[in-house]
All heavy atoms as atom14 arrays in JSON, in Angstrom:
{
  "sequence": "VKCRKENSALKECLIAHYKNPDFYEECKMEYLKEREEFRKTGIRSKN",
  "atom14_mask": [
    [1, 1, 1, 1, 1, 1, 1, 0, 0, 0, 0, 0, 0, 0],
    [1, 1, 1, 1, 1, 1, 1, 1, 1, 0, 0, 0, 0, 0],
    [1, 1, 1, 1, 1, 1, 0, 0, 0, 0, 0, 0, 0, 0],
    [1, 1, 1, 1, 1, 1, 1, 1, 1, 1, 1, 0, 0, 0],
    [1, 1, 1, 1, 1, 1, 1, 1, 1, 0, 0, 0, 0, 0],
    [1, 1, 1, 1, 1, 1, 1, 1, 1, 0, 0, 0, 0, 0],
    [1, 1, 1, 1, 1, 1, 1, 1, 0, 0, 0, 0, 0, 0],
    [1, 1, 1, 1, 1, 1, 0, 0, 0, 0, 0, 0, 0, 0],
    [1, 1, 1, 1, 1, 0, 0, 0, 0, 0, 0, 0, 0, 0],
    [1, 1, 1, 1, 1, 1, 1, 1, 0, 0, 0, 0, 0, 0],
    [1, 1, 1, 1, 1, 1, 1, 1, 1, 0, 0, 0, 0, 0],
    [1, 1, 1, 1, 1, 1, 1, 1, 1, 0, 0, 0, 0, 0],
    [1, 1, 1, 1, 1, 1, 0, 0, 0, 0, 0, 0, 0, 0],
    [1, 1, 1, 1, 1, 1, 1, 1, 0, 0, 0, 0, 0, 0],
    [1, 1, 1, 1, 1, 1, 1, 1, 0, 0, 0, 0, 0, 0],
    [1, 1, 1, 1, 1, 0, 0, 0, 0, 0, 0, 0, 0, 0],
    [1, 1, 1, 1, 1, 1, 1, 1, 1, 1, 0, 0, 0, 0],
    [1, 1, 1, 1, 1, 1, 1, 1, 1, 1, 1, 1, 0, 0],
    [1, 1, 1, 1, 1, 1, 1, 1, 1, 0, 0, 0, 0, 0],
    [1, 1, 1, 1, 1, 1, 1, 1, 0, 0, 0, 0, 0, 0],
    [1, 1, 1, 1, 1, 1, 1, 0, 0, 0, 0, 0, 0, 0],
    [1, 1, 1, 1, 1, 1, 1, 1, 0, 0, 0, 0, 0, 0],
    [1, 1, 1, 1, 1, 1, 1, 1, 1, 1, 1, 0, 0, 0],
    [1, 1, 1, 1, 1, 1, 1, 1, 1, 1, 1, 1, 0, 0],
    [1, 1, 1, 1, 1, 1, 1, 1, 1, 0, 0, 0, 0, 0],
    [1, 1, 1, 1, 1, 1, 1, 1, 1, 0, 0, 0, 0, 0],
    [1, 1, 1, 1, 1, 1, 0, 0, 0, 0, 0, 0, 0, 0],
    [1, 1, 1, 1, 1, 1, 1, 1, 1, 0, 0, 0, 0, 0],
    [1, 1, 1, 1, 1, 1, 1, 1, 0, 0, 0, 0, 0, 0],
    [1, 1, 1, 1, 1, 1, 1, 1, 1, 0, 0, 0, 0, 0],
    [1, 1, 1, 1, 1, 1, 1, 1, 1, 1, 1, 1, 0, 0],
    [1, 1, 1, 1, 1, 1, 1, 1, 0, 0, 0, 0, 0, 0],
    [1, 1, 1, 1, 1, 1, 1, 1, 1, 0, 0, 0, 0, 0],
    [1, 1, 1, 1, 1, 1, 1, 1, 1, 0, 0, 0, 0, 0],
    [1, 1, 1, 1, 1, 1, 1, 1, 1, 1, 1, 0, 0, 0],
    [1, 1, 1, 1, 1, 1, 1, 1, 1, 0, 0, 0, 0, 0],
    [1, 1, 1, 1, 1, 1, 1, 1, 1, 0, 0, 0, 0, 0],
    [1, 1, 1, 1, 1, 1, 1, 1, 1, 1, 1, 0, 0, 0],
    [1, 1, 1, 1, 1, 1, 1, 1, 1, 1, 1, 0, 0, 0],
    [1, 1, 1, 1, 1, 1, 1, 1, 1, 0, 0, 0, 0, 0],
    [1, 1, 1, 1, 1, 1, 1, 0, 0, 0, 0, 0, 0, 0],
    [1, 1, 1, 1, 0, 0, 0, 0, 0, 0, 0, 0, 0, 0],
    [1, 1, 1, 1, 1, 1, 1, 1, 0, 0, 0, 0, 0, 0],
    [1, 1, 1, 1, 1, 1, 1, 1, 1, 1, 1, 0, 0, 0],
    [1, 1, 1, 1, 1, 1, 0, 0, 0, 0, 0, 0, 0, 0],
    [1, 1, 1, 1, 1, 1, 1, 1, 1, 0, 0, 0, 0, 0],
    [1, 1, 1, 1, 1, 1, 1, 1, 0, 0, 0, 0, 0, 0]
  ],
  "atom14_positions": [
    [[61.27, 54.53, 106.99], [62.09, 55.09, 105.95], [63.59, 54.89, 106.21], [64.34, 54.45, 105.37], [61.83, 56.61, 105.75], [62.71, 57.21, 104.7], [60.37, 56.82, 105.4], [0.0, 0.0, 0.0], [0.0, 0.0, 0.0], [0.0, 0.0, 0.0], [0.0, 0.0, 0.0], [0.0, 0.0, 0.0], [0.0, 0.0, 0.0], [0.0, 0.0, 0.0]],
    [[63.99, 55.11, 107.47], [65.41, 55.11, 107.8], [66.0, 53.72, 107.98], [67.22, 53.55, 107.83], [65.67, 55.94, 109.07], [65.49, 57.43, 108.93], [65.9, 58.13, 110.16], [65.91, 59.63, 109.92], [66.4, 60.35, 111.12], [0.0, 0.0, 0.0], [0.0, 0.0, 0.0], [0.0, 0.0, 0.0], [0.0, 0.0, 0.0], [0.0, 0.0, 0.0]],
    [[65.2, 52.71, 108.29], [65.72, 51.36, 108.59], [65.51, 50.33, 107.51], [65.49, 49.16, 107.75], [65.07, 50.89, 109.92], [65.45, 51.94, 111.32], [0.0, 0.0, 0.0], [0.0, 0.0, 0.0], [0.0, 0.0, 0.0], [0.0, 0.0, 0.0], [0.0, 0.0, 0.0], [0.0, 0.0, 0.0], [0.0, 0.0, 0.0], [0.0, 0.0, 0.0]],
    [[65.32, 50.81, 106.25], [65.09, 49.89, 105.16], [66.26, 48.9, 104.94], [66.02, 47.71, 104.72], [64.78, 50.62, 103.87], [63.44, 51.21, 103.89], [63.14, 51.89, 102.52], [61.81, 52.53, 102.57], [61.38, 53.4, 101.73], [62.19, 53.83, 100.8], [60.17, 53.88, 101.86], [0.0, 0.0, 0.0], [0.0, 0.0, 0.0], [0.0, 0.0, 0.0]],
    [[67.47, 49.45, 105.03], [68.66, 48.61, 104.86], [68.75, 47.51, 105.89], [68.95, 46.32, 105.56], [69.92, 49.47, 104.83], [71.18, 48.73, 104.54], [72.41, 49.59, 104.59], [72.89, 49.65, 106.0], [74.11, 50.39, 106.26], [0.0, 0.0, 0.0], [0.0, 0.0, 0.0], [0.0, 0.0, 0.0], [0.0, 0.0, 0.0], [0.0, 0.0, 0.0]],
    [[68.54, 47.84, 107.14], [68.61, 46.89, 108.23], [67.49, 45.89, 108.15], [67.65, 44.7, 108.4], [68.56, 47.63, 109.61], [69.79, 48.41, 109.92], [69.78, 49.81, 109.33], [68.9, 50.16, 108.54], [70.76, 50.58, 109.64], [0.0, 0.0, 0.0], [0.0, 0.0, 0.0], [0.0, 0.0, 0.0], [0.0, 0.0, 0.0], [0.0, 0.0, 0.0]],
    [[66.29, 46.37, 107.78], [65.15, 45.5, 107.63], [65.37, 44.48, 106.47], [65.09, 43.31, 106.64], [63.88, 46.32, 107.34], [62.63, 45.48, 107.38], [62.55, 44.44, 108.0], [61.58, 45.92, 106.65], [0.0, 0.0, 0.0], [0.0, 0.0, 0.0], [0.0, 0.0, 0.0], [0.0, 0.0, 0.0], [0.0, 0.0, 0.0], [0.0, 0.0, 0.0]],
    [[65.94, 44.93, 105.39], [66.22, 44.03, 104.25], [67.27, 43.0, 104.63], [67.11, 41.81, 104.29], [66.69, 44.82, 103.07], [65.72, 45.7, 102.55], [0.0, 0.0, 0.0], [0.0, 0.0, 0.0], [0.0, 0.0, 0.0], [0.0, 0.0, 0.0], [0.0, 0.0, 0.0], [0.0, 0.0, 0.0], [0.0, 0.0, 0.0], [0.0, 0.0, 0.0]],
    [[68.32, 43.42, 105.38], [69.3, 42.45, 105.81], [68.7, 41.38, 106.72], [69.03, 40.2, 106.63], [70.46, 43.19, 106.5], [0.0, 0.0, 0.0], [0.0, 0.0, 0.0], [0.0, 0.0, 0.0], [0.0, 0.0, 0.0], [0.0, 0.0, 0.0], [0.0, 0.0, 0.0], [0.0, 0.0, 0.0], [0.0, 0.0, 0.0], [0.0, 0.0, 0.0]],
    [[67.85, 41.81, 107.65], [67.17, 40.91, 108.57], [66.3, 39.95, 107.83], [66.32, 38.75, 108.03], [66.36, 41.7, 109.6], [65.56, 40.85, 110.58], [66.44, 39.88, 111.36], [64.83, 41.77, 111.53], [0.0, 0.0, 0.0], [0.0, 0.0, 0.0], [0.0, 0.0, 0.0], [0.0, 0.0, 0.0], [0.0, 0.0, 0.0], [0.0, 0.0, 0.0]],
    [[65.49, 40.46, 106.85], [64.63, 39.59, 106.05], [65.43, 38.57, 105.3], [65.03, 37.37, 105.22], [63.79, 40.44, 105.07], [62.57, 41.04, 105.66], [61.79, 41.74, 104.56], [60.58, 42.46, 105.09], [59.85, 43.18, 103.99], [0.0, 0.0, 0.0], [0.0, 0.0, 0.0], [0.0, 0.0, 0.0], [0.0, 0.0, 0.0], [0.0, 0.0, 0.0]],
    [[66.52, 38.99, 104.66], [67.36, 38.06, 103.9], [67.84, 36.94, 104.74], [67.82, 35.77, 104.38], [68.53, 38.8, 103.3], [68.26, 39.51, 102.02], [69.48, 40.21, 101.44], [70.61, 39.61, 101.55], [69.35, 41.29, 100.85], [0.0, 0.0, 0.0], [0.0, 0.0, 0.0], [0.0, 0.0, 0.0], [0.0, 0.0, 0.0], [0.0, 0.0, 0.0]],
    [[68.33, 37.26, 105.94], [68.88, 36.27, 106.85], [67.82, 35.3, 107.27], [67.98, 34.05, 107.21], [69.5, 36.94, 108.05], [70.27, 35.79, 109.22], [0.0, 0.0, 0.0], [0.0, 0.0, 0.0], [0.0, 0.0, 0.0], [0.0, 0.0, 0.0], [0.0, 0.0, 0.0], [0.0, 0.0, 0.0], [0.0, 0.0, 0.0], [0.0, 0.0, 0.0]],
    [[66.63, 35.8, 107.7], [65.56, 34.95, 108.14], [65.03, 34.04, 106.99], [64.83, 32.86, 107.22], [64.39, 35.8, 108.74], [64.69, 36.57, 110.0], [63.54, 37.48, 110.35], [65.03, 35.64, 111.14], [0.0, 0.0, 0.0], [0.0, 0.0, 0.0], [0.0, 0.0, 0.0], [0.0, 0.0, 0.0], [0.0, 0.0, 0.0], [0.0, 0.0, 0.0]],
    [[64.81, 34.65, 105.83], [64.29, 33.84, 104.7], [65.29, 32.75, 104.27], [64.85, 31.66, 103.94], [63.94, 34.8, 103.53], [62.68, 35.59, 103.89], [63.68, 34.03, 102.25], [62.35, 36.7, 102.93], [0.0, 0.0, 0.0], [0.0, 0.0, 0.0], [0.0, 0.0, 0.0], [0.0, 0.0, 0.0], [0.0, 0.0, 0.0], [0.0, 0.0, 0.0]],
    [[66.58, 33.04, 104.33], [67.58, 32.03, 103.99], [67.43, 30.82, 104.92], [67.55, 29.68, 104.46], [68.99, 32.61, 104.13], [0.0, 0.0, 0.0], [0.0, 0.0, 0.0], [0.0, 0.0, 0.0], [0.0, 0.0, 0.0], [0.0, 0.0, 0.0], [0.0, 0.0, 0.0], [0.0, 0.0, 0.0], [0.0, 0.0, 0.0], [0.0, 0.0, 0.0]],
    [[67.14, 31.08, 106.17], [66.92, 29.94, 107.09], [65.59, 29.25, 106.85], [65.53, 28.02, 106.85], [66.99, 30.46, 108.56], [68.35, 30.7, 109.0], [69.0, 31.89, 108.85], [69.24, 29.89, 109.68], [70.17, 31.81, 109.33], [70.38, 30.65, 109.87], [0.0, 0.0, 0.0], [0.0, 0.0, 0.0], [0.0, 0.0, 0.0], [0.0, 0.0, 0.0]],
    [[64.53, 30.04, 106.6], [63.21, 29.41, 106.39], [63.2, 28.5, 105.13], [62.5, 27.47, 105.1], [62.13, 30.48, 106.21], [61.93, 31.36, 107.39], [61.43, 32.62, 107.26], [62.21, 30.91, 108.73], [61.2, 33.47, 108.36], [62.01, 31.73, 109.76], [61.52, 33.01, 109.67], [61.32, 33.79, 110.72], [0.0, 0.0, 0.0], [0.0, 0.0, 0.0]],
    [[63.95, 28.87, 104.13], [63.97, 28.09, 102.87], [64.95, 26.98, 102.91], [64.97, 26.12, 101.97], [64.31, 29.01, 101.66], [63.17, 29.98, 101.39], [63.49, 30.78, 100.16], [62.33, 31.68, 99.77], [62.58, 32.43, 98.54], [0.0, 0.0, 0.0], [0.0, 0.0, 0.0], [0.0, 0.0, 0.0], [0.0, 0.0, 0.0], [0.0, 0.0, 0.0]],
    [[65.77, 26.8, 103.95], [66.77, 25.76, 104.02], [66.14, 24.48, 104.48], [65.68, 24.35, 105.64], [67.87, 26.2, 104.97], [69.01, 25.22, 105.1], [68.89, 24.07, 104.62], [70.05, 25.65, 105.71], [0.0, 0.0, 0.0], [0.0, 0.0, 0.0], [0.0, 0.0, 0.0], [0.0, 0.0, 0.0], [0.0, 0.0, 0.0], [0.0, 0.0, 0.0]],
    [[66.03, 23.41, 103.65], [65.43, 22.14, 104.03], [66.17, 21.45, 105.22], [65.47, 20.78, 106.03], [65.46, 21.28, 102.79], [66.29, 22.01, 101.8], [66.56, 23.42, 102.28], [0.0, 0.0, 0.0], [0.0, 0.0, 0.0], [0.0, 0.0, 0.0], [0.0, 0.0, 0.0], [0.0, 0.0, 0.0], [0.0, 0.0, 0.0], [0.0, 0.0, 0.0]],
    [[67.47, 21.64, 105.32], [68.15, 21.06, 106.44], [67.79, 21.68, 107.74], [67.66, 21.04, 108.78], [69.68, 21.16, 106.26], [70.18, 20.35, 105.07], [69.57, 19.31, 104.75], [71.22, 20.74, 104.48], [0.0, 0.0, 0.0], [0.0, 0.0, 0.0], [0.0, 0.0, 0.0], [0.0, 0.0, 0.0], [0.0, 0.0, 0.0], [0.0, 0.0, 0.0]],
    [[67.56, 23.01, 107.7], [67.13, 23.76, 108.92], [65.73, 23.27, 109.33], [65.47, 23.05, 110.54], [67.14, 25.24, 108.63], [66.79, 26.1, 109.79], [67.57, 26.14, 110.92], [65.66, 26.86, 109.76], [67.23, 26.92, 112.0], [65.26, 27.67, 110.84], [66.07, 27.69, 111.96], [0.0, 0.0, 0.0], [0.0, 0.0, 0.0], [0.0, 0.0, 0.0]],
    [[64.82, 23.03, 108.36], [63.49, 22.56, 108.67], [63.61, 21.17, 109.33], [62.94, 20.94, 110.34], [62.66, 22.49, 107.39], [61.3, 21.86, 107.64], [60.28, 22.59, 108.15], [61.08, 20.48, 107.42], [59.01, 22.03, 108.4], [59.86, 19.91, 107.67], [58.82, 20.68, 108.17], [57.64, 20.14, 108.43], [0.0, 0.0, 0.0], [0.0, 0.0, 0.0]],
    [[64.4, 20.3, 108.8], [64.58, 18.97, 109.34], [65.11, 19.04, 110.76], [64.73, 18.28, 111.63], [65.45, 18.12, 108.48], [64.77, 17.59, 107.24], [63.51, 16.79, 107.52], [63.56, 15.9, 108.39], [62.48, 17.0, 106.85], [0.0, 0.0, 0.0], [0.0, 0.0, 0.0], [0.0, 0.0, 0.0], [0.0, 0.0, 0.0], [0.0, 0.0, 0.0]],
    [[66.08, 19.95, 111.02], [66.66, 20.11, 112.33], [65.56, 20.52, 113.28], [65.46, 19.97, 114.41], [67.74, 21.15, 112.26], [68.4, 21.48, 113.59], [69.4, 22.62, 113.45], [69.99, 22.83, 112.37], [69.53, 23.35, 114.47], [0.0, 0.0, 0.0], [0.0, 0.0, 0.0], [0.0, 0.0, 0.0], [0.0, 0.0, 0.0], [0.0, 0.0, 0.0]],
    [[64.76, 21.48, 112.91], [63.69, 21.96, 113.8], [62.61, 20.9, 113.99], [62.03, 20.73, 115.09], [63.07, 23.24, 113.27], [64.25, 24.64, 113.24], [0.0, 0.0, 0.0], [0.0, 0.0, 0.0], [0.0, 0.0, 0.0], [0.0, 0.0, 0.0], [0.0, 0.0, 0.0], [0.0, 0.0, 0.0], [0.0, 0.0, 0.0], [0.0, 0.0, 0.0]],
    [[62.34, 20.17, 112.93], [61.35, 19.06, 113.03], [61.82, 18.02, 114.01], [61.05, 17.51, 114.82], [61.13, 18.44, 111.65], [60.2, 17.24, 111.61], [60.07, 16.76, 110.2], [59.78, 15.28, 110.12], [59.82, 14.78, 108.75], [0.0, 0.0, 0.0], [0.0, 0.0, 0.0], [0.0, 0.0, 0.0], [0.0, 0.0, 0.0], [0.0, 0.0, 0.0]],
    [[63.1, 17.6, 113.93], [63.61, 16.63, 114.85], [63.6, 17.14, 116.3], [63.33, 16.4, 117.23], [65.02, 16.18, 114.43], [65.06, 15.5, 113.1], [63.9, 14.14, 112.9], [64.49, 12.97, 114.02], [0.0, 0.0, 0.0], [0.0, 0.0, 0.0], [0.0, 0.0, 0.0], [0.0, 0.0, 0.0], [0.0, 0.0, 0.0], [0.0, 0.0, 0.0]],
    [[63.9, 18.41, 116.46], [63.84, 19.01, 117.78], [62.4, 18.95, 118.35], [62.21, 18.57, 119.46], [64.33, 20.43, 117.76], [64.29, 21.17, 119.08], [64.76, 22.58, 119.02], [65.73, 22.86, 118.3], [64.2, 23.4, 119.77], [0.0, 0.0, 0.0], [0.0, 0.0, 0.0], [0.0, 0.0, 0.0], [0.0, 0.0, 0.0], [0.0, 0.0, 0.0]],
    [[61.43, 19.27, 117.46], [60.03, 19.17, 117.89], [59.64, 17.78, 118.22], [58.99, 17.55, 119.3], [59.09, 19.75, 116.78], [57.68, 19.5, 117.15], [57.05, 20.28, 118.11], [57.0, 18.42, 116.64], [55.75, 20.03, 118.47], [55.66, 18.15, 117.01], [55.06, 18.96, 117.96], [53.78, 18.7, 118.33], [0.0, 0.0, 0.0], [0.0, 0.0, 0.0]],
    [[60.01, 16.78, 117.4], [59.65, 15.39, 117.67], [60.31, 14.91, 118.99], [59.64, 14.17, 119.75], [60.12, 14.5, 116.54], [59.32, 14.65, 115.25], [59.97, 13.88, 114.1], [57.87, 14.21, 115.45], [0.0, 0.0, 0.0], [0.0, 0.0, 0.0], [0.0, 0.0, 0.0], [0.0, 0.0, 0.0], [0.0, 0.0, 0.0], [0.0, 0.0, 0.0]],
    [[61.52, 15.35, 119.25], [62.15, 14.98, 120.51], [61.39, 15.58, 121.7], [61.13, 14.9, 122.72], [63.61, 15.51, 120.53], [64.39, 15.16, 121.73], [65.83, 15.65, 121.59], [66.57, 15.5, 122.89], [67.85, 16.21, 122.86], [0.0, 0.0, 0.0], [0.0, 0.0, 0.0], [0.0, 0.0, 0.0], [0.0, 0.0, 0.0], [0.0, 0.0, 0.0]],
    [[60.99, 16.84, 121.63], [60.22, 17.49, 122.68], [58.84, 16.82, 122.87], [58.42, 16.64, 123.96], [60.0, 18.97, 122.35], [61.23, 19.81, 122.48], [61.01, 21.28, 122.15], [59.83, 21.66, 121.94], [61.98, 22.05, 122.05], [0.0, 0.0, 0.0], [0.0, 0.0, 0.0], [0.0, 0.0, 0.0], [0.0, 0.0, 0.0], [0.0, 0.0, 0.0]],
    [[58.23, 16.47, 121.74], [56.9, 15.79, 121.83], [57.04, 14.45, 122.47], [56.2, 14.09, 123.3], [56.31, 15.66, 120.4], [54.94, 15.04, 120.39], [54.36, 14.96, 119.02], [55.02, 13.85, 118.29], [54.64, 13.47, 117.07], [53.69, 14.09, 116.46], [55.26, 12.47, 116.51], [0.0, 0.0, 0.0], [0.0, 0.0, 0.0], [0.0, 0.0, 0.0]],
    [[58.05, 13.69, 122.12], [58.27, 12.39, 122.7], [58.5, 12.5, 124.22], [57.94, 11.74, 125.01], [59.48, 11.69, 122.08], [59.77, 10.33, 122.62], [61.02, 9.7, 122.02], [61.58, 10.26, 121.04], [61.38, 8.63, 122.48], [0.0, 0.0, 0.0], [0.0, 0.0, 0.0], [0.0, 0.0, 0.0], [0.0, 0.0, 0.0], [0.0, 0.0, 0.0]],
    [[59.33, 13.46, 124.62], [59.59, 13.71, 126.04], [58.31, 14.08, 126.78], [58.06, 13.67, 127.89], [60.64, 14.77, 126.17], [61.24, 14.88, 127.59], [62.0, 13.64, 128.0], [62.56, 12.94, 127.14], [62.04, 13.37, 129.2], [0.0, 0.0, 0.0], [0.0, 0.0, 0.0], [0.0, 0.0, 0.0], [0.0, 0.0, 0.0], [0.0, 0.0, 0.0]],
    [[57.47, 14.9, 126.11], [56.2, 15.32, 126.74], [55.3, 14.09, 126.93], [54.63, 13.98, 127.95], [55.51, 16.38, 125.89], [54.12, 16.72, 126.39], [53.98, 17.52, 127.52], [53.01, 16.2, 125.75], [52.71, 17.79, 127.95], [51.73, 16.51, 126.21], [51.57, 17.31, 127.33], [0.0, 0.0, 0.0], [0.0, 0.0, 0.0], [0.0, 0.0, 0.0]],
    [[55.26, 13.21, 125.91], [54.41, 12.03, 126.01], [54.89, 11.1, 127.14], [54.07, 10.41, 127.76], [54.39, 11.3, 124.68], [53.55, 12.08, 123.65], [53.54, 11.35, 122.33], [52.69, 12.06, 121.35], [52.56, 11.72, 120.1], [53.24, 10.73, 119.62], [51.74, 12.42, 119.31], [0.0, 0.0, 0.0], [0.0, 0.0, 0.0], [0.0, 0.0, 0.0]],
    [[56.17, 11.11, 127.4], [56.69, 10.27, 128.44], [56.41, 10.81, 129.85], [56.07, 10.12, 130.77], [58.19, 10.04, 128.29], [58.6, 9.11, 127.19], [60.11, 8.99, 127.13], [60.57, 8.18, 125.98], [62.05, 8.17, 125.82], [0.0, 0.0, 0.0], [0.0, 0.0, 0.0], [0.0, 0.0, 0.0], [0.0, 0.0, 0.0], [0.0, 0.0, 0.0]],
    [[56.68, 12.15, 129.98], [56.64, 12.78, 131.29], [55.37, 13.55, 131.56], [55.0, 13.76, 132.73], [57.82, 13.75, 131.48], [57.66, 14.81, 130.5], [59.15, 13.03, 131.28], [0.0, 0.0, 0.0], [0.0, 0.0, 0.0], [0.0, 0.0, 0.0], [0.0, 0.0, 0.0], [0.0, 0.0, 0.0], [0.0, 0.0, 0.0], [0.0, 0.0, 0.0]],
    [[54.72, 14.09, 130.51], [53.54, 14.92, 130.7], [53.91, 16.38, 131.07], [53.03, 17.17, 131.37], [0.0, 0.0, 0.0], [0.0, 0.0, 0.0], [0.0, 0.0, 0.0], [0.0, 0.0, 0.0], [0.0, 0.0, 0.0], [0.0, 0.0, 0.0], [0.0, 0.0, 0.0], [0.0, 0.0, 0.0], [0.0, 0.0, 0.0], [0.0, 0.0, 0.0]],
    [[55.18, 16.71, 130.96], [55.7, 18.01, 131.27], [56.31, 18.63, 130.04], [57.16, 17.98, 129.43], [56.69, 18.03, 132.44], [56.09, 17.37, 133.67], [57.19, 19.43, 132.73], [57.1, 17.14, 134.78], [0.0, 0.0, 0.0], [0.0, 0.0, 0.0], [0.0, 0.0, 0.0], [0.0, 0.0, 0.0], [0.0, 0.0, 0.0], [0.0, 0.0, 0.0]],
    [[55.93, 19.85, 129.7], [56.51, 20.49, 128.54], [57.97, 20.86, 128.84], [58.34, 21.08, 129.95], [55.8, 21.79, 128.21], [54.37, 21.5, 127.67], [53.75, 22.8, 127.24], [52.41, 22.51, 126.74], [51.4, 23.29, 126.9], [51.53, 24.47, 127.56], [50.2, 22.92, 126.44], [0.0, 0.0, 0.0], [0.0, 0.0, 0.0], [0.0, 0.0, 0.0]],
    [[58.8, 20.87, 127.82], [60.23, 21.06, 127.99], [60.53, 22.4, 128.67], [61.4, 22.51, 129.52], [60.99, 20.91, 126.68], [60.62, 21.93, 125.8], [0.0, 0.0, 0.0], [0.0, 0.0, 0.0], [0.0, 0.0, 0.0], [0.0, 0.0, 0.0], [0.0, 0.0, 0.0], [0.0, 0.0, 0.0], [0.0, 0.0, 0.0], [0.0, 0.0, 0.0]],
    [[59.82, 23.44, 128.28], [60.05, 24.78, 128.91], [59.7, 24.74, 130.38], [60.44, 25.32, 131.18], [59.31, 25.87, 128.17], [59.86, 26.11, 126.77], [59.07, 27.23, 126.09], [59.63, 27.46, 124.67], [58.91, 28.44, 123.94], [0.0, 0.0, 0.0], [0.0, 0.0, 0.0], [0.0, 0.0, 0.0], [0.0, 0.0, 0.0], [0.0, 0.0, 0.0]],
    [[58.6, 24.1, 130.68], [58.2, 23.99, 132.11], [59.16, 23.15, 132.9], [59.42, 23.39, 134.07], [56.78, 23.47, 132.25], [55.76, 24.39, 131.7], [56.04, 25.56, 131.47], [54.58, 23.91, 131.45], [0.0, 0.0, 0.0], [0.0, 0.0, 0.0], [0.0, 0.0, 0.0], [0.0, 0.0, 0.0], [0.0, 0.0, 0.0], [0.0, 0.0, 0.0]]
  ]
}
């Protein structure tokens, strides 16, 4: 009940990013870069 305003603000911010096609492409390119590096080295980027 008390955190509706904060929850709505958070949802708005997150949804704005999720619906942004440029943001999707940025994340897709980051993923492809990580996948390519994994295929070369066999080690995940976080590891």
